[in-house]
C-alpha atoms as a PDB file:
ATOM      1  CA  MET A   1       1.086 -12.649  21.914  1.00  0.00           C
ATOM      2  CA  ASN A   2      -1.280 -15.606  22.053  1.00  0.00           C
ATOM      3  CA  LYS A   3      -1.815 -18.114  19.226  1.00  0.00           C
ATOM      4  CA  PHE A   4      -4.945 -16.356  17.926  1.00  0.00           C
ATOM      5  CA  GLU A   5      -3.166 -12.996  17.785  1.00  0.00           C
ATOM      6  CA  GLU A   6      -0.201 -14.585  16.038  1.00  0.00           C
ATOM      7  CA  LEU A   7      -2.460 -16.139  13.377  1.00  0.00           C
ATOM      8  CA  LYS A   8      -4.280 -12.843  12.894  1.00  0.00           C
ATOM      9  CA  ARG A   9      -1.031 -10.896  12.549  1.00  0.00           C
ATOM     10  CA  ASN A  10       0.428 -13.438  10.120  1.00  0.00           C
ATOM     11  CA  ARG A  11      -2.666 -13.146   7.905  1.00  0.00           C
ATOM     12  CA  TYR A  12      -2.227  -9.385   7.721  1.00  0.00           C
ATOM     13  CA  ILE A  13       1.466  -9.790   6.927  1.00  0.00           C
ATOM     14  CA  LYS A  14       0.665 -12.264   4.131  1.00  0.00           C
ATOM     15  CA  LYS A  15      -1.760  -9.746   2.668  1.00  0.00           C
ATOM     16  CA  MET A  16       0.877  -7.008   2.967  1.00  0.00           C
ATOM     17  CA  HIS A  17       3.376  -9.200   1.113  1.00  0.00           C
ATOM     18  CA  SER A  18       0.861  -9.973  -1.623  1.00  0.00           C
ATOM     19  CA  ASN A  19      -0.181  -6.326  -1.919  1.00  0.00           C
ATOM     20  CA  ALA A  20       3.458  -5.208  -2.210  1.00  0.00           C
ATOM     21  CA  ILE A  21       4.032  -7.705  -5.036  1.00  0.00           C
ATOM     22  CA  ALA A  22       0.878  -6.499  -6.809  1.00  0.00           C
ATOM     23  CA  MET A  23       2.030  -2.891  -6.530  1.00  0.00           C
ATOM     24  CA  VAL A  24       5.512  -3.647  -7.886  1.00  0.00           C
ATOM     25  CA  THR A  25       4.138  -5.616 -10.832  1.00  0.00           C
ATOM     26  CA  GLY A  26       1.491  -3.013 -11.654  1.00  0.00           C
ATOM     27  CA  GLN A  27      -1.473  -5.283 -10.916  1.00  0.00           C
ATOM     28  CA  VAL A  28      -2.799  -2.726  -8.420  1.00  0.00           C
ATOM     29  CA  ASP A  29      -3.058   1.040  -8.760  1.00  0.00           C
ATOM     30  CA  LEU A  30      -0.409   2.595  -6.509  1.00  0.00           C
ATOM     31  CA  ARG A  31      -2.877   4.836  -4.716  1.00  0.00           C
ATOM     32  CA  GLU A  32      -5.252   1.972  -3.961  1.00  0.00           C
ATOM     33  CA  GLY A  33      -2.337  -0.249  -2.983  1.00  0.00           C
ATOM     34  CA  CYS A  34      -0.959   2.367  -0.591  1.00  0.00           C
ATOM     35  CA  ARG A  35      -4.313   2.802   1.113  1.00  0.00           C
ATOM     36  CA  LYS A  36      -4.669  -0.942   1.502  1.00  0.00           C
ATOM     37  CA  MET A  37      -1.099  -1.233   2.785  1.00  0.00           C
ATOM     38  CA  GLU A  38      -1.732   1.437   5.426  1.00  0.00           C
ATOM     39  CA  TYR A  39      -4.733  -0.500   6.704  1.00  0.00           C
ATOM     40  CA  LEU A  40      -2.961  -3.875   6.732  1.00  0.00           C
ATOM     41  CA  TYR A  41       0.138  -2.403   8.375  1.00  0.00           C
ATOM     42  CA  SER A  42      -1.874  -0.716  11.127  1.00  0.00           C
ATOM     43  CA  GLN A  43      -3.804  -3.905  11.876  1.00  0.00           C
ATOM     44  CA  ALA A  44      -0.676  -6.085  12.078  1.00  0.00           C
ATOM     45  CA  ASP A  45       1.248  -3.421  14.002  1.00  0.00           C
ATOM     46  CA  TYR A  46      -1.611  -3.142  16.503  1.00  0.00           C
ATOM     47  CA  VAL A  47      -1.320  -6.843  17.372  1.00  0.00           C
ATOM     48  CA  GLN A  48       2.457  -6.551  17.744  1.00  0.00           C
ATOM     49  CA  PRO A  49       4.567  -3.581  16.653  1.00  0.00           C
ATOM     50  CA  PHE A  50       6.883  -4.102  13.701  1.00  0.00           C
ATOM     51  CA  ASP A  51      10.602  -3.992  14.234  1.00  0.00           C
ATOM     52  CA  GLY A  52      12.547  -2.505  11.330  1.00  0.00           C
ATOM     53  CA  ILE A  53       9.594  -2.115   8.982  1.00  0.00           C
ATOM     54  CA  GLU A  54       8.005   1.245   8.269  1.00  0.00           C
ATOM     55  CA  ILE A  55       5.803   2.568   5.489  1.00  0.00           C
ATOM     56  CA  ASN A  56       6.188   6.338   5.878  1.00  0.00           C
ATOM     57  CA  ILE A  57       6.687   6.975   2.142  1.00  0.00           C
ATOM     58  CA  LEU A  58       3.461   5.108   1.377  1.00  0.00           C
ATOM     59  CA  LYS A  59       1.640   7.258   3.930  1.00  0.00           C
ATOM     60  CA  LYS A  60       3.098  10.439   2.413  1.00  0.00           C
ATOM     61  CA  PHE A  61       2.006   9.370  -1.066  1.00  0.00           C
ATOM     62  CA  SER A  62      -1.502   8.557   0.185  1.00  0.00           C
ATOM     63  CA  SER A  63      -1.702  11.902   1.909  1.00  0.00           C
ATOM     64  CA  ALA A  64      -0.518  13.768  -1.191  1.00  0.00           C
ATOM     65  CA  THR A  65      -3.044  11.989  -3.432  1.00  0.00           C
ATOM     66  CA  GLY A  66      -5.939  11.633  -0.992  1.00  0.00           C
ATOM     67  CA  PHE A  67      -7.944  14.407  -2.672  1.00  0.00           C
ATOM     68  CA  PHE A  68      -7.935  12.715  -6.075  1.00  0.00           C
ATOM     69  CA  PRO A  69     -10.621  10.163  -6.963  1.00  0.00           C
ATOM     70  CA  LEU A  70      -9.525   6.540  -7.171  1.00  0.00           C
ATOM     71  CA  PRO A  71      -9.938   4.719 -10.510  1.00  0.00           C
ATOM     72  CA  SER A  72     -13.129   3.094  -9.212  1.00  0.00           C
ATOM     73  CA  GLU A  73     -14.585   6.542  -8.437  1.00  0.00           C
ATOM     74  CA  ARG A  74     -13.699   8.317 -11.670  1.00  0.00           C
ATOM     75  CA  GLU A  75     -17.005   7.630 -13.443  1.00  0.00           C
ATOM     76  CA  LEU A  76     -18.677   9.991 -10.958  1.00  0.00           C
ATOM     77  CA  TYR A  77     -16.824  13.032 -12.338  1.00  0.00           C
ATOM     78  CA  SER A  78     -16.911  14.950 -15.617  1.00  0.00           C
ATOM     79  CA  LYS A  79     -14.152  14.372 -18.136  1.00  0.00           C
ATOM     80  CA  VAL A  80     -13.160  18.042 -18.083  1.00  0.00           C
ATOM     81  CA  TYR A  81     -12.718  18.022 -14.313  1.00  0.00           C
ATOM     82  CA  LEU A  82     -10.791  14.749 -14.440  1.00  0.00           C
ATOM     83  CA  SER A  83      -8.430  16.022 -17.137  1.00  0.00           C
ATOM     84  CA  GLU A  84      -7.556  19.006 -14.927  1.00  0.00           C
ATOM     85  CA  LEU A  85      -6.965  16.718 -11.951  1.00  0.00           C
ATOM     86  CA  ASP A  86      -4.915  14.276 -14.010  1.00  0.00           C
ATOM     87  CA  VAL A  87      -2.289  16.912 -14.765  1.00  0.00           C
ATOM     88  CA  ARG A  88      -1.770  17.583 -11.058  1.00  0.00           C
ATOM     89  CA  LEU A  89      -1.960  13.892 -10.154  1.00  0.00           C
ATOM     90  CA  ALA A  90       0.632  12.946 -12.774  1.00  0.00           C
ATOM     91  CA  ALA A  91       3.152  15.346 -11.238  1.00  0.00           C
ATOM     92  CA  ILE A  92       2.612  13.888  -7.759  1.00  0.00           C
ATOM     93  CA  GLU A  93       2.801  10.300  -9.005  1.00  0.00           C
ATOM     94  CA  GLU A  94       6.009  11.065 -10.892  1.00  0.00           C
ATOM     95  CA  LYS A  95       7.566  12.470  -7.723  1.00  0.00           C
ATOM     96  CA  TYR A  96       6.667   9.455  -5.557  1.00  0.00           C
ATOM     97  CA  ARG A  97       6.472   6.507  -7.960  1.00  0.00           C
ATOM     98  CA  ASP A  98      10.082   5.286  -7.709  1.00  0.00           C
ATOM     99  CA  LEU A  99      10.156   5.743  -3.934  1.00  0.00           C
ATOM    100  CA  VAL A 100       6.887   3.828  -3.493  1.00  0.00           C
ATOM    101  CA  ILE A 101       8.076   0.991  -5.742  1.00  0.00           C
ATOM    102  CA  GLN A 102      11.407   0.812  -3.884  1.00  0.00           C
ATOM    103  CA  LYS A 103       9.563   0.568  -0.559  1.00  0.00           C
ATOM    104  CA  CYS A 104       7.315  -2.169  -1.934  1.00  0.00           C
ATOM    105  CA  GLU A 105      10.327  -4.113  -3.198  1.00  0.00           C
ATOM    106  CA  GLU A 106      11.844  -3.769   0.275  1.00  0.00           C
ATOM    107  CA  LEU A 107       8.625  -5.046   1.854  1.00  0.00           C
ATOM    108  CA  VAL A 108       8.524  -8.015  -0.518  1.00  0.00           C
ATOM    109  CA  GLU A 109      12.050  -8.929   0.567  1.00  0.00           C
ATOM    110  CA  LYS A 110      11.552  -8.329   4.302  1.00  0.00           C
ATOM    111  CA  LEU A 111       8.211 -10.137   4.444  1.00  0.00           C
ATOM    112  CA  GLN A 112       9.360 -13.092   2.328  1.00  0.00           C
ATOM    113  CA  TYR A 113       9.594 -15.222   5.479  1.00  0.00           C
ATOM    114  CA  ILE A 114       5.803 -15.238   5.787  1.00  0.00           C
ATOM    115  CA  LYS A 115       5.538 -17.754   2.933  1.00  0.00           C
ATOM    116  CA  MET A 116       7.232 -20.332   5.160  1.00  0.00           C
ATOM    117  CA  ILE A 117       4.704 -19.950   7.973  1.00  0.00           C
ATOM    118  CA  THR A 118       1.677 -22.224   7.903  1.00  0.00           C
ATOM    119  CA  GLU A 119      -1.489 -21.570   9.799  1.00  0.00           C
END
């Protein structure tokens, strides 16, 4: 890995760390956070594969909730339709919430080292 690739990868890892913190603290919607995490992970992993870090539960949650509109998209739908979706979405979120938060806490811990790296 050359210096440019290392800098690029470290930037993605910093964003992953920040995103994980935001998800744990509730600053970011879990569905939006998972989608962002998938993107950041794939970009960093493309530069150099991760060793000992995986986000499979985040991918499963994204897959299970991919049909549902994100909070930023909800104004495009009727309230009746959204209320029907919300019942189904709540059940899925309840099933995955603790697992997603646990994975984010793990990522915060494992990626903590990135705060020590300067560009």
